[in-house]
C-alpha atoms as a PDB file:
ATOM      1  CA  UNK A   1      33.804 -58.576   9.465  1.00  0.00           C
ATOM      2  CA  UNK A   2      31.058 -56.229  10.491  1.00  0.00           C
ATOM      3  CA  UNK A   3      28.661 -56.736  13.357  1.00  0.00           C
ATOM      4  CA  UNK A   4      25.310 -58.316  12.698  1.00  0.00           C
ATOM      5  CA  UNK A   5      21.932 -56.938  13.752  1.00  0.00           C
ATOM      6  CA  UNK A   6      21.470 -56.436  17.506  1.00  0.00           C
ATOM      7  CA  UNK A   7      19.709 -59.150  19.364  1.00  0.00           C
ATOM      8  CA  UNK A   8      16.136 -59.034  20.502  1.00  0.00           C
ATOM      9  CA  UNK A   9      15.252 -57.705  23.944  1.00  0.00           C
ATOM     10  CA  UNK A  10      14.218 -59.793  26.935  1.00  0.00           C
ATOM     11  CA  UNK A  11      12.461 -58.641  30.106  1.00  0.00           C
ATOM     12  CA  UNK A  12      13.378 -60.460  33.283  1.00  0.00           C
ATOM     13  CA  UNK A  13      11.160 -61.539  36.151  1.00  0.00           C
ATOM     14  CA  UNK A  14      12.175 -62.852  39.524  1.00  0.00           C
ATOM     15  CA  UNK A  15      10.953 -66.372  38.762  1.00  0.00           C
ATOM     16  CA  UNK A  16      13.073 -66.600  35.637  1.00  0.00           C
ATOM     17  CA  UNK A  17      16.273 -66.981  37.651  1.00  0.00           C
ATOM     18  CA  UNK A  18      15.286 -70.495  38.657  1.00  0.00           C
ATOM     19  CA  UNK A  19      15.631 -71.560  35.031  1.00  0.00           C
ATOM     20  CA  UNK A  20      19.243 -70.457  34.772  1.00  0.00           C
ATOM     21  CA  UNK A  21      21.445 -73.421  35.557  1.00  0.00           C
ATOM     22  CA  UNK A  22      24.725 -71.490  35.390  1.00  0.00           C
ATOM     23  CA  UNK A  23      23.459 -68.393  37.198  1.00  0.00           C
ATOM     24  CA  UNK A  24      25.654 -67.452  40.185  1.00  0.00           C
ATOM     25  CA  UNK A  25      24.251 -67.886  43.672  1.00  0.00           C
ATOM     26  CA  UNK A  26      24.294 -64.495  45.365  1.00  0.00           C
ATOM     27  CA  UNK A  27      23.754 -64.144  49.124  1.00  0.00           C
ATOM     28  CA  UNK A  28      20.234 -63.454  50.303  1.00  0.00           C
ATOM     29  CA  UNK A  29      19.647 -59.779  51.170  1.00  0.00           C
ATOM     30  CA  UNK A  30      19.625 -58.946  54.872  1.00  0.00           C
ATOM     31  CA  UNK A  31      17.313 -55.937  54.558  1.00  0.00           C
ATOM     32  CA  UNK A  32      14.293 -55.064  52.440  1.00  0.00           C
ATOM     33  CA  UNK A  33      12.657 -51.764  51.677  1.00  0.00           C
ATOM     34  CA  UNK A  34       9.617 -50.564  53.606  1.00  0.00           C
ATOM     35  CA  UNK A  35       7.813 -47.233  53.781  1.00  0.00           C
ATOM     36  CA  UNK A  36       9.242 -44.690  56.202  1.00  0.00           C
ATOM     37  CA  UNK A  37       6.920 -42.808  58.563  1.00  0.00           C
ATOM     38  CA  UNK A  38       6.532 -39.266  57.279  1.00  0.00           C
ATOM     39  CA  UNK A  39       3.940 -36.501  57.260  1.00  0.00           C
ATOM     40  CA  UNK A  40       3.041 -33.771  54.811  1.00  0.00           C
ATOM     41  CA  UNK A  41       5.648 -31.072  54.697  1.00  0.00           C
ATOM     42  CA  UNK A  42       3.212 -28.202  54.291  1.00  0.00           C
ATOM     43  CA  UNK A  43       1.914 -28.385  57.869  1.00  0.00           C
ATOM     44  CA  UNK A  44       5.412 -28.920  59.259  1.00  0.00           C
ATOM     45  CA  UNK A  45       6.733 -25.915  57.339  1.00  0.00           C
ATOM     46  CA  UNK A  46       3.872 -23.748  58.623  1.00  0.00           C
ATOM     47  CA  UNK A  47       4.455 -24.804  62.231  1.00  0.00           C
ATOM     48  CA  UNK A  48       8.200 -24.281  61.881  1.00  0.00           C
ATOM     49  CA  UNK A  49       7.803 -20.768  60.524  1.00  0.00           C
ATOM     50  CA  UNK A  50       5.292 -20.020  63.277  1.00  0.00           C
ATOM     51  CA  UNK A  51       7.804 -21.264  65.850  1.00  0.00           C
ATOM     52  CA  UNK A  52      10.534 -19.039  64.424  1.00  0.00           C
ATOM     53  CA  UNK A  53       8.208 -16.044  64.503  1.00  0.00           C
ATOM     54  CA  UNK A  54       7.143 -16.872  68.050  1.00  0.00           C
ATOM     55  CA  UNK A  55      10.742 -17.214  69.173  1.00  0.00           C
ATOM     56  CA  UNK A  56      11.638 -13.915  67.537  1.00  0.00           C
ATOM     57  CA  UNK A  57       8.641 -12.267  69.202  1.00  0.00           C
ATOM     58  CA  UNK A  58       9.650 -13.567  72.639  1.00  0.00           C
ATOM     59  CA  UNK A  59      13.188 -12.325  72.162  1.00  0.00           C
ATOM     60  CA  UNK A  60      11.896  -8.899  71.084  1.00  0.00           C
ATOM     61  CA  UNK A  61       9.498  -8.759  74.016  1.00  0.00           C
ATOM     62  CA  UNK A  62      12.259  -9.763  76.414  1.00  0.00           C
ATOM     63  CA  UNK A  63      14.556  -7.040  75.144  1.00  0.00           C
ATOM     64  CA  UNK A  64      11.878  -4.440  75.968  1.00  0.00           C
ATOM     65  CA  UNK A  65      10.993  -5.855  79.403  1.00  0.00           C
ATOM     66  CA  UNK A  66      11.979  -3.698  82.413  1.00  0.00           C
ATOM     67  CA  UNK A  67      12.429  -6.453  84.990  1.00  0.00           C
ATOM     68  CA  UNK A  68      15.715  -8.303  84.680  1.00  0.00           C
ATOM     69  CA  UNK A  69      14.227 -11.693  85.580  1.00  0.00           C
ATOM     70  CA  UNK A  70      11.388 -11.400  83.074  1.00  0.00           C
ATOM     71  CA  UNK A  71      13.774 -10.160  80.412  1.00  0.00           C
ATOM     72  CA  UNK A  72      16.103 -13.132  80.841  1.00  0.00           C
ATOM     73  CA  UNK A  73      13.200 -15.585  80.883  1.00  0.00           C
ATOM     74  CA  UNK A  74      11.629 -14.190  77.693  1.00  0.00           C
ATOM     75  CA  UNK A  75      14.919 -14.077  75.811  1.00  0.00           C
ATOM     76  CA  UNK A  76      15.856 -17.600  76.927  1.00  0.00           C
ATOM     77  CA  UNK A  77      12.412 -18.933  76.027  1.00  0.00           C
ATOM     78  CA  UNK A  78      12.514 -17.198  72.654  1.00  0.00           C
ATOM     79  CA  UNK A  79      15.917 -18.696  71.846  1.00  0.00           C
ATOM     80  CA  UNK A  80      14.746 -22.174  72.822  1.00  0.00           C
ATOM     81  CA  UNK A  81      11.553 -21.887  70.756  1.00  0.00           C
ATOM     82  CA  UNK A  82      13.471 -20.606  67.724  1.00  0.00           C
ATOM     83  CA  UNK A  83      16.105 -23.354  67.997  1.00  0.00           C
ATOM     84  CA  UNK A  84      13.411 -26.025  68.382  1.00  0.00           C
ATOM     85  CA  UNK A  85      11.523 -24.674  65.360  1.00  0.00           C
ATOM     86  CA  UNK A  86      14.724 -24.595  63.315  1.00  0.00           C
ATOM     87  CA  UNK A  87      15.599 -28.181  64.283  1.00  0.00           C
ATOM     88  CA  UNK A  88      12.089 -29.313  63.433  1.00  0.00           C
ATOM     89  CA  UNK A  89      12.346 -27.673  60.011  1.00  0.00           C
ATOM     90  CA  UNK A  90      15.527 -29.643  59.369  1.00  0.00           C
ATOM     91  CA  UNK A  91      13.278 -32.682  58.962  1.00  0.00           C
ATOM     92  CA  UNK A  92      11.743 -31.254  55.772  1.00  0.00           C
ATOM     93  CA  UNK A  93      12.629 -33.042  52.542  1.00  0.00           C
ATOM     94  CA  UNK A  94      11.744 -32.453  48.915  1.00  0.00           C
ATOM     95  CA  UNK A  95      11.297 -35.683  46.964  1.00  0.00           C
ATOM     96  CA  UNK A  96      11.182 -35.370  43.183  1.00  0.00           C
ATOM     97  CA  UNK A  97       9.409 -37.867  40.902  1.00  0.00           C
ATOM     98  CA  UNK A  98      11.728 -40.756  40.107  1.00  0.00           C
ATOM     99  CA  UNK A  99      13.645 -40.326  43.364  1.00  0.00           C
ATOM    100  CA  UNK A 100      13.543 -41.828  46.846  1.00  0.00           C
ATOM    101  CA  UNK A 101      14.989 -40.982  50.241  1.00  0.00           C
ATOM    102  CA  UNK A 102      16.542 -43.731  52.375  1.00  0.00           C
ATOM    103  CA  UNK A 103      16.016 -42.774  56.025  1.00  0.00           C
ATOM    104  CA  UNK A 104      18.470 -43.821  58.768  1.00  0.00           C
ATOM    105  CA  UNK A 105      18.402 -43.050  62.461  1.00  0.00           C
ATOM    106  CA  UNK A 106      21.744 -43.501  64.218  1.00  0.00           C
ATOM    107  CA  UNK A 107      22.822 -46.081  61.636  1.00  0.00           C
ATOM    108  CA  UNK A 108      19.556 -48.025  61.641  1.00  0.00           C
ATOM    109  CA  UNK A 109      17.376 -48.228  58.550  1.00  0.00           C
ATOM    110  CA  UNK A 110      14.020 -46.557  59.236  1.00  0.00           C
ATOM    111  CA  UNK A 111      12.364 -46.854  55.822  1.00  0.00           C
ATOM    112  CA  UNK A 112      12.216 -45.186  52.422  1.00  0.00           C
ATOM    113  CA  UNK A 113      10.247 -42.148  51.289  1.00  0.00           C
ATOM    114  CA  UNK A 114       8.968 -42.601  47.726  1.00  0.00           C
ATOM    115  CA  UNK A 115       6.031 -40.171  47.799  1.00  0.00           C
ATOM    116  CA  UNK A 116       7.046 -37.071  45.896  1.00  0.00           C
ATOM    117  CA  UNK A 117       6.601 -33.569  47.219  1.00  0.00           C
ATOM    118  CA  UNK A 118       7.505 -31.934  50.521  1.00  0.00           C
ATOM    119  CA  UNK A 119       7.664 -34.473  53.366  1.00  0.00           C
ATOM    120  CA  UNK A 120       8.711 -34.256  57.004  1.00  0.00           C
ATOM    121  CA  UNK A 121      10.504 -36.939  59.023  1.00  0.00           C
ATOM    122  CA  UNK A 122      12.430 -37.061  62.261  1.00  0.00           C
ATOM    123  CA  UNK A 123      15.022 -34.249  61.958  1.00  0.00           C
ATOM    124  CA  UNK A 124      17.697 -36.391  63.641  1.00  0.00           C
ATOM    125  CA  UNK A 125      17.630 -38.917  60.799  1.00  0.00           C
ATOM    126  CA  UNK A 126      19.853 -38.900  57.751  1.00  0.00           C
ATOM    127  CA  UNK A 127      18.189 -39.054  54.316  1.00  0.00           C
ATOM    128  CA  UNK A 128      20.146 -40.393  51.358  1.00  0.00           C
ATOM    129  CA  UNK A 129      18.824 -39.558  47.911  1.00  0.00           C
ATOM    130  CA  UNK A 130      18.627 -42.460  45.418  1.00  0.00           C
ATOM    131  CA  UNK A 131      17.349 -42.212  41.862  1.00  0.00           C
ATOM    132  CA  UNK A 132      14.776 -44.825  40.858  1.00  0.00           C
ATOM    133  CA  UNK A 133      14.664 -43.688  37.227  1.00  0.00           C
ATOM    134  CA  UNK A 134      15.361 -46.081  34.375  1.00  0.00           C
ATOM    135  CA  UNK A 135      19.034 -46.093  33.395  1.00  0.00           C
ATOM    136  CA  UNK A 136      21.176 -47.405  30.560  1.00  0.00           C
ATOM    137  CA  UNK A 137      24.548 -49.047  30.945  1.00  0.00           C
ATOM    138  CA  UNK A 138      26.557 -49.864  27.840  1.00  0.00           C
ATOM    139  CA  UNK A 139      29.645 -51.987  28.165  1.00  0.00           C
ATOM    140  CA  UNK A 140      32.770 -51.168  26.189  1.00  0.00           C
ATOM    141  CA  UNK A 141      33.674 -53.459  23.305  1.00  0.00           C
ATOM    142  CA  UNK A 142      35.004 -56.577  25.025  1.00  0.00           C
ATOM    143  CA  UNK A 143      37.452 -58.973  23.392  1.00  0.00           C
ATOM    144  CA  UNK A 144      36.935 -62.582  24.503  1.00  0.00           C
ATOM    145  CA  UNK A 145      37.249 -66.102  23.137  1.00  0.00           C
ATOM    146  CA  UNK A 146      34.073 -67.931  22.188  1.00  0.00           C
ATOM    147  CA  UNK A 147      33.348 -71.607  22.904  1.00  0.00           C
ATOM    148  CA  UNK A 148      35.564 -72.653  19.963  1.00  0.00           C
ATOM    149  CA  UNK A 149      38.435 -70.467  21.103  1.00  0.00           C
ATOM    150  CA  UNK A 150      37.997 -67.854  18.363  1.00  0.00           C
ATOM    151  CA  UNK A 151      38.641 -64.274  19.485  1.00  0.00           C
ATOM    152  CA  UNK A 152      35.514 -62.155  19.103  1.00  0.00           C
ATOM    153  CA  UNK A 153      34.412 -58.657  20.013  1.00  0.00           C
ATOM    154  CA  UNK A 154      31.076 -57.909  21.630  1.00  0.00           C
ATOM    155  CA  UNK A 155      29.314 -55.206  23.593  1.00  0.00           C
ATOM    156  CA  UNK A 156      25.922 -54.998  25.275  1.00  0.00           C
ATOM    157  CA  UNK A 157      23.530 -52.414  26.651  1.00  0.00           C
ATOM    158  CA  UNK A 158      21.444 -53.039  29.767  1.00  0.00           C
ATOM    159  CA  UNK A 159      18.329 -51.106  30.799  1.00  0.00           C
ATOM    160  CA  UNK A 160      17.779 -51.180  34.561  1.00  0.00           C
ATOM    161  CA  UNK A 161      16.542 -49.293  37.587  1.00  0.00           C
ATOM    162  CA  UNK A 162      16.665 -49.509  41.368  1.00  0.00           C
ATOM    163  CA  UNK A 163      13.806 -51.667  42.611  1.00  0.00           C
ATOM    164  CA  UNK A 164      14.703 -51.894  46.319  1.00  0.00           C
ATOM    165  CA  UNK A 165      16.429 -48.803  47.696  1.00  0.00           C
ATOM    166  CA  UNK A 166      17.375 -50.466  50.977  1.00  0.00           C
ATOM    167  CA  UNK A 167      19.285 -53.253  49.245  1.00  0.00           C
ATOM    168  CA  UNK A 168      20.924 -50.784  46.869  1.00  0.00           C
ATOM    169  CA  UNK A 169      22.153 -48.741  49.852  1.00  0.00           C
ATOM    170  CA  UNK A 170      23.196 -51.445  52.322  1.00  0.00           C
ATOM    171  CA  UNK A 171      23.904 -54.684  50.421  1.00  0.00           C
ATOM    172  CA  UNK A 172      26.683 -53.319  48.168  1.00  0.00           C
ATOM    173  CA  UNK A 173      29.209 -50.516  48.469  1.00  0.00           C
ATOM    174  CA  UNK A 174      28.335 -48.776  45.189  1.00  0.00           C
ATOM    175  CA  UNK A 175      25.388 -50.147  43.241  1.00  0.00           C
ATOM    176  CA  UNK A 176      26.370 -48.225  40.083  1.00  0.00           C
ATOM    177  CA  UNK A 177      29.812 -49.811  39.995  1.00  0.00           C
ATOM    178  CA  UNK A 178      28.309 -53.147  41.001  1.00  0.00           C
ATOM    179  CA  UNK A 179      25.913 -53.164  38.036  1.00  0.00           C
ATOM    180  CA  UNK A 180      28.693 -52.175  35.625  1.00  0.00           C
ATOM    181  CA  UNK A 181      31.041 -54.909  36.857  1.00  0.00           C
ATOM    182  CA  UNK A 182      28.405 -57.647  36.942  1.00  0.00           C
ATOM    183  CA  UNK A 183      27.160 -56.719  33.468  1.00  0.00           C
ATOM    184  CA  UNK A 184      30.639 -57.109  32.019  1.00  0.00           C
ATOM    185  CA  UNK A 185      31.094 -60.410  33.857  1.00  0.00           C
ATOM    186  CA  UNK A 186      27.781 -61.756  32.522  1.00  0.00           C
ATOM    187  CA  UNK A 187      28.583 -60.735  28.954  1.00  0.00           C
ATOM    188  CA  UNK A 188      31.992 -62.415  29.133  1.00  0.00           C
ATOM    189  CA  UNK A 189      30.475 -65.573  30.621  1.00  0.00           C
ATOM    190  CA  UNK A 190      27.837 -65.812  27.897  1.00  0.00           C
ATOM    191  CA  UNK A 191      30.493 -65.252  25.214  1.00  0.00           C
ATOM    192  CA  UNK A 192      32.695 -68.137  26.347  1.00  0.00           C
ATOM    193  CA  UNK A 193      29.718 -70.489  26.737  1.00  0.00           C
ATOM    194  CA  UNK A 194      28.600 -70.302  23.089  1.00  0.00           C
ATOM    195  CA  UNK A 195      30.373 -70.112  19.725  1.00  0.00           C
ATOM    196  CA  UNK A 196      30.044 -67.220  17.325  1.00  0.00           C
ATOM    197  CA  UNK A 197      28.899 -69.644  14.605  1.00  0.00           C
ATOM    198  CA  UNK A 198      27.901 -73.191  15.516  1.00  0.00           C
ATOM    199  CA  UNK A 199      29.242 -76.118  13.454  1.00  0.00           C
ATOM    200  CA  UNK A 200      26.256 -78.120  14.617  1.00  0.00           C
ATOM    201  CA  UNK A 201      22.927 -77.201  13.054  1.00  0.00           C
ATOM    202  CA  UNK A 202      21.089 -77.858  16.331  1.00  0.00           C
ATOM    203  CA  UNK A 203      23.604 -75.997  18.513  1.00  0.00           C
ATOM    204  CA  UNK A 204      23.156 -72.478  19.827  1.00  0.00           C
ATOM    205  CA  UNK A 205      25.404 -69.710  18.517  1.00  0.00           C
ATOM    206  CA  UNK A 206      25.785 -66.030  19.304  1.00  0.00           C
ATOM    207  CA  UNK A 207      25.044 -64.989  15.740  1.00  0.00           C
ATOM    208  CA  UNK A 208      22.393 -67.511  14.805  1.00  0.00           C
ATOM    209  CA  UNK A 209      20.320 -67.673  18.018  1.00  0.00           C
ATOM    210  CA  UNK A 210      20.039 -64.059  19.068  1.00  0.00           C
ATOM    211  CA  UNK A 211      16.767 -64.338  20.965  1.00  0.00           C
ATOM    212  CA  UNK A 212      17.748 -67.390  23.033  1.00  0.00           C
ATOM    213  CA  UNK A 213      21.187 -65.999  23.918  1.00  0.00           C
ATOM    214  CA  UNK A 214      19.713 -62.639  24.914  1.00  0.00           C
ATOM    215  CA  UNK A 215      17.218 -64.347  27.206  1.00  0.00           C
ATOM    216  CA  UNK A 216      20.008 -66.281  28.898  1.00  0.00           C
ATOM    217  CA  UNK A 217      22.017 -63.066  29.285  1.00  0.00           C
ATOM    218  CA  UNK A 218      19.068 -61.299  30.902  1.00  0.00           C
ATOM    219  CA  UNK A 219      18.442 -64.172  33.308  1.00  0.00           C
ATOM    220  CA  UNK A 220      22.077 -64.279  34.372  1.00  0.00           C
ATOM    221  CA  UNK A 221      22.190 -60.510  34.800  1.00  0.00           C
ATOM    222  CA  UNK A 222      19.113 -60.600  37.013  1.00  0.00           C
ATOM    223  CA  UNK A 223      20.647 -63.327  39.156  1.00  0.00           C
ATOM    224  CA  UNK A 224      23.838 -61.303  39.559  1.00  0.00           C
ATOM    225  CA  UNK A 225      22.335 -57.919  40.488  1.00  0.00           C
ATOM    226  CA  UNK A 226      19.134 -58.788  42.347  1.00  0.00           C
ATOM    227  CA  UNK A 227      20.991 -58.787  45.669  1.00  0.00           C
ATOM    228  CA  UNK A 228      21.671 -55.065  45.098  1.00  0.00           C
ATOM    229  CA  UNK A 229      17.962 -54.298  44.666  1.00  0.00           C
ATOM    230  CA  UNK A 230      18.366 -53.736  40.930  1.00  0.00           C
ATOM    231  CA  UNK A 231      15.817 -54.842  38.320  1.00  0.00           C
ATOM    232  CA  UNK A 232      16.933 -55.644  34.776  1.00  0.00           C
ATOM    233  CA  UNK A 233      14.315 -54.365  32.334  1.00  0.00           C
ATOM    234  CA  UNK A 234      15.986 -55.517  29.122  1.00  0.00           C
ATOM    235  CA  UNK A 235      19.381 -56.382  27.691  1.00  0.00           C
ATOM    236  CA  UNK A 236      20.681 -56.303  24.163  1.00  0.00           C
ATOM    237  CA  UNK A 237      23.886 -57.010  22.256  1.00  0.00           C
ATOM    238  CA  UNK A 238      24.952 -53.885  20.389  1.00  0.00           C
ATOM    239  CA  UNK A 239      28.141 -55.198  18.800  1.00  0.00           C
ATOM    240  CA  UNK A 240      29.156 -58.692  17.766  1.00  0.00           C
ATOM    241  CA  UNK A 241      32.013 -59.466  15.384  1.00  0.00           C
ATOM    242  CA  UNK A 242      35.137 -61.544  14.972  1.00  0.00           C
ATOM    243  CA  UNK A 243      38.339 -59.943  16.208  1.00  0.00           C
ATOM    244  CA  UNK A 244      40.282 -58.075  13.466  1.00  0.00           C
ATOM    245  CA  UNK A 245      43.124 -60.607  13.401  1.00  0.00           C
ATOM    246  CA  UNK A 246      40.821 -63.420  12.225  1.00  0.00           C
ATOM    247  CA  UNK A 247      38.033 -61.443  10.610  1.00  0.00           C
ATOM    248  CA  UNK A 248      39.364 -61.863   7.042  1.00  0.00           C
ATOM    249  CA  UNK A 249      39.924 -65.601   7.469  1.00  0.00           C
ATOM    250  CA  UNK A 250      36.440 -66.101   8.923  1.00  0.00           C
ATOM    251  CA  UNK A 251      34.961 -64.013   6.118  1.00  0.00           C
ATOM    252  CA  UNK A 252      36.593 -66.298   3.561  1.00  0.00           C
ATOM    253  CA  UNK A 253      35.231 -69.292   5.429  1.00  0.00           C
ATOM    254  CA  UNK A 254      31.722 -67.871   5.391  1.00  0.00           C
ATOM    255  CA  UNK A 255      32.033 -66.981   1.721  1.00  0.00           C
ATOM    256  CA  UNK A 256      33.210 -70.488   0.911  1.00  0.00           C
ATOM    257  CA  UNK A 257      30.279 -71.946   2.808  1.00  0.00           C
ATOM    258  CA  UNK A 258      27.911 -69.669   0.922  1.00  0.00           C
ATOM    259  CA  UNK A 259      29.426 -70.704  -2.415  1.00  0.00           C
ATOM    260  CA  UNK A 260      29.144 -74.396  -1.538  1.00  0.00           C
ATOM    261  CA  UNK A 261      25.530 -73.959  -0.468  1.00  0.00           C
ATOM    262  CA  UNK A 262      24.719 -72.064  -3.665  1.00  0.00           C
ATOM    263  CA  UNK A 263      26.398 -74.717  -5.810  1.00  0.00           C
ATOM    264  CA  UNK A 264      24.465 -77.416  -4.021  1.00  0.00           C
ATOM    265  CA  UNK A 265      21.211 -75.646  -4.816  1.00  0.00           C
ATOM    266  CA  UNK A 266      22.239 -75.208  -8.460  1.00  0.00           C
ATOM    267  CA  UNK A 267      23.173 -78.876  -8.826  1.00  0.00           C
ATOM    268  CA  UNK A 268      19.935 -80.039  -7.195  1.00  0.00           C
ATOM    269  CA  UNK A 269      17.937 -77.830  -9.520  1.00  0.00           C
ATOM    270  CA  UNK A 270      19.906 -78.906 -12.609  1.00  0.00           C
ATOM    271  CA  UNK A 271      19.420 -82.600 -11.820  1.00  0.00           C
ATOM    272  CA  UNK A 272      15.690 -82.061 -11.545  1.00  0.00           C
ATOM    273  CA  UNK A 273      15.583 -80.184 -14.850  1.00  0.00           C
ATOM    274  CA  UNK A 274      17.594 -82.888 -16.656  1.00  0.00           C
ATOM    275  CA  UNK A 275      15.363 -85.593 -15.238  1.00  0.00           C
ATOM    276  CA  UNK A 276      12.262 -83.711 -16.360  1.00  0.00           C
ATOM    277  CA  UNK A 277      13.734 -83.226 -19.851  1.00  0.00           C
ATOM    278  CA  UNK A 278      14.546 -86.938 -20.267  1.00  0.00           C
ATOM    279  CA  UNK A 279      11.095 -87.949 -19.026  1.00  0.00           C
ATOM    280  CA  UNK A 280       9.455 -85.481 -21.392  1.00  0.00           C
ATOM    281  CA  UNK A 281      11.432 -86.817 -24.370  1.00  0.00           C
ATOM    282  CA  UNK A 282      10.559 -90.376 -23.432  1.00  0.00           C
ATOM    283  CA  UNK A 283       6.880 -89.523 -23.144  1.00  0.00           C
ATOM    284  CA  UNK A 284       6.742 -87.728 -26.491  1.00  0.00           C
ATOM    285  CA  UNK A 285       8.660 -90.513 -28.223  1.00  0.00           C
ATOM    286  CA  UNK A 286       9.938 -88.327 -31.043  1.00  0.00           C
ATOM    287  CA  UNK A 287      13.515 -89.548 -30.596  1.00  0.00           C
ATOM    288  CA  UNK A 288      15.042 -92.732 -29.275  1.00  0.00           C
ATOM    289  CA  UNK A 289      18.004 -92.285 -26.970  1.00  0.00           C
ATOM    290  CA  UNK A 290      20.294 -95.120 -26.028  1.00  0.00           C
ATOM    291  CA  UNK A 291      22.361 -95.045 -22.848  1.00  0.00           C
ATOM    292  CA  UNK A 292      25.333 -93.372 -24.497  1.00  0.00           C
ATOM    293  CA  UNK A 293      23.203 -90.609 -26.033  1.00  0.00           C
ATOM    294  CA  UNK A 294      21.412 -90.100 -22.734  1.00  0.00           C
ATOM    295  CA  UNK A 295      24.782 -89.760 -21.005  1.00  0.00           C
ATOM    296  CA  UNK A 296      25.934 -87.202 -23.576  1.00  0.00           C
ATOM    297  CA  UNK A 297      22.694 -85.260 -23.228  1.00  0.00           C
ATOM    298  CA  UNK A 298      22.924 -85.270 -19.443  1.00  0.00           C
ATOM    299  CA  UNK A 299      26.527 -84.095 -19.616  1.00  0.00           C
ATOM    300  CA  UNK A 300      25.675 -81.251 -21.986  1.00  0.00           C
ATOM    301  CA  UNK A 301      22.654 -80.125 -19.976  1.00  0.00           C
ATOM    302  CA  UNK A 302      24.586 -80.194 -16.678  1.00  0.00           C
ATOM    303  CA  UNK A 303      27.344 -78.071 -18.229  1.00  0.00           C
ATOM    304  CA  UNK A 304      24.814 -75.570 -19.531  1.00  0.00           C
ATOM    305  CA  UNK A 305      22.817 -75.371 -16.301  1.00  0.00           C
ATOM    306  CA  UNK A 306      25.685 -75.411 -13.810  1.00  0.00           C
ATOM    307  CA  UNK A 307      28.258 -73.327 -15.649  1.00  0.00           C
ATOM    308  CA  UNK A 308      29.236 -69.840 -14.471  1.00  0.00           C
ATOM    309  CA  UNK A 309      29.363 -68.524 -18.039  1.00  0.00           C
ATOM    310  CA  UNK A 310      27.100 -68.756 -21.038  1.00  0.00           C
ATOM    311  CA  UNK A 311      27.894 -71.921 -23.031  1.00  0.00           C
ATOM    312  CA  UNK A 312      29.476 -71.741 -26.455  1.00  0.00           C
ATOM    313  CA  UNK A 313      27.678 -74.154 -28.803  1.00  0.00           C
ATOM    314  CA  UNK A 314      29.718 -76.533 -30.919  1.00  0.00           C
ATOM    315  CA  UNK A 315      28.067 -77.680 -34.170  1.00  0.00           C
ATOM    316  CA  UNK A 316      28.595 -81.337 -34.978  1.00  0.00           C
ATOM    317  CA  UNK A 317      28.454 -81.887 -38.785  1.00  0.00           C
ATOM    318  CA  UNK A 318      28.900 -85.609 -38.431  1.00  0.00           C
ATOM    319  CA  UNK A 319      27.160 -88.126 -36.255  1.00  0.00           C
ATOM    320  CA  UNK A 320      27.159 -88.476 -32.511  1.00  0.00           C
ATOM    321  CA  UNK A 321      29.778 -91.218 -32.741  1.00  0.00           C
ATOM    322  CA  UNK A 322      32.199 -89.391 -35.070  1.00  0.00           C
END
């Protein structure tokens, strides 16, 4: 059978994880993001270029000096100034909107640069670029068994972004792979916790309680990925259907249930119409009906009202009892 409409979206907050009873307990993060010390790159670039020019000038002046000692001193000084200016310019970084730079100095976290533009930091630090833009991750179509053991197919899409760059860099090996794996695990866990269609009217089902199931999925996803500094913005089921091997049987079951429900409505309506007709006849008093005639009238009306085809009238030329 075909997939039903996608479920509603659900935004997750940090406090919502306390409501998830089955949410996994991830370890507390050992590091949190803070702002790295940096200065405007324009001034640093100007000073660096001035240092390179000064070093080049000293080297040129030393090459024209007559005294050997002065020549060596000017050339050596020029080289040192140029090298220092070049090293200082190595601390320049360009940060684009939607990006951040994680700064480390000899393996120690020294903060994160989020301010876009040209920035300057200690040139001996390493700066890892991390995107903080909103991303989509769509799982492949997963085949799992629901709470009743029926094989079903489902897929989900998750909208997320990096909220804490330090945790994304140091708490997990690869936060992209981590989000993909944990999303698939959460979708599978939700699928086996609830049936596709609930036999109990008050029970939750994947098809009948889209909003509630989506909220539980979002809460579990947040609990799984928050240790990696990732924020779940919304989650949504994009595909939900019975597996092909049982799809036809489940379709027949649903069709049979629909037919039974329709017949029940028809019978309830026909009984009400017959009751109204008998009461109307009794009120008007233009014909007296004994129990046997009432039974015959009820039988005829029920056949007419509940039949699938138009009734074929039979004319009785005798009496009711012949």
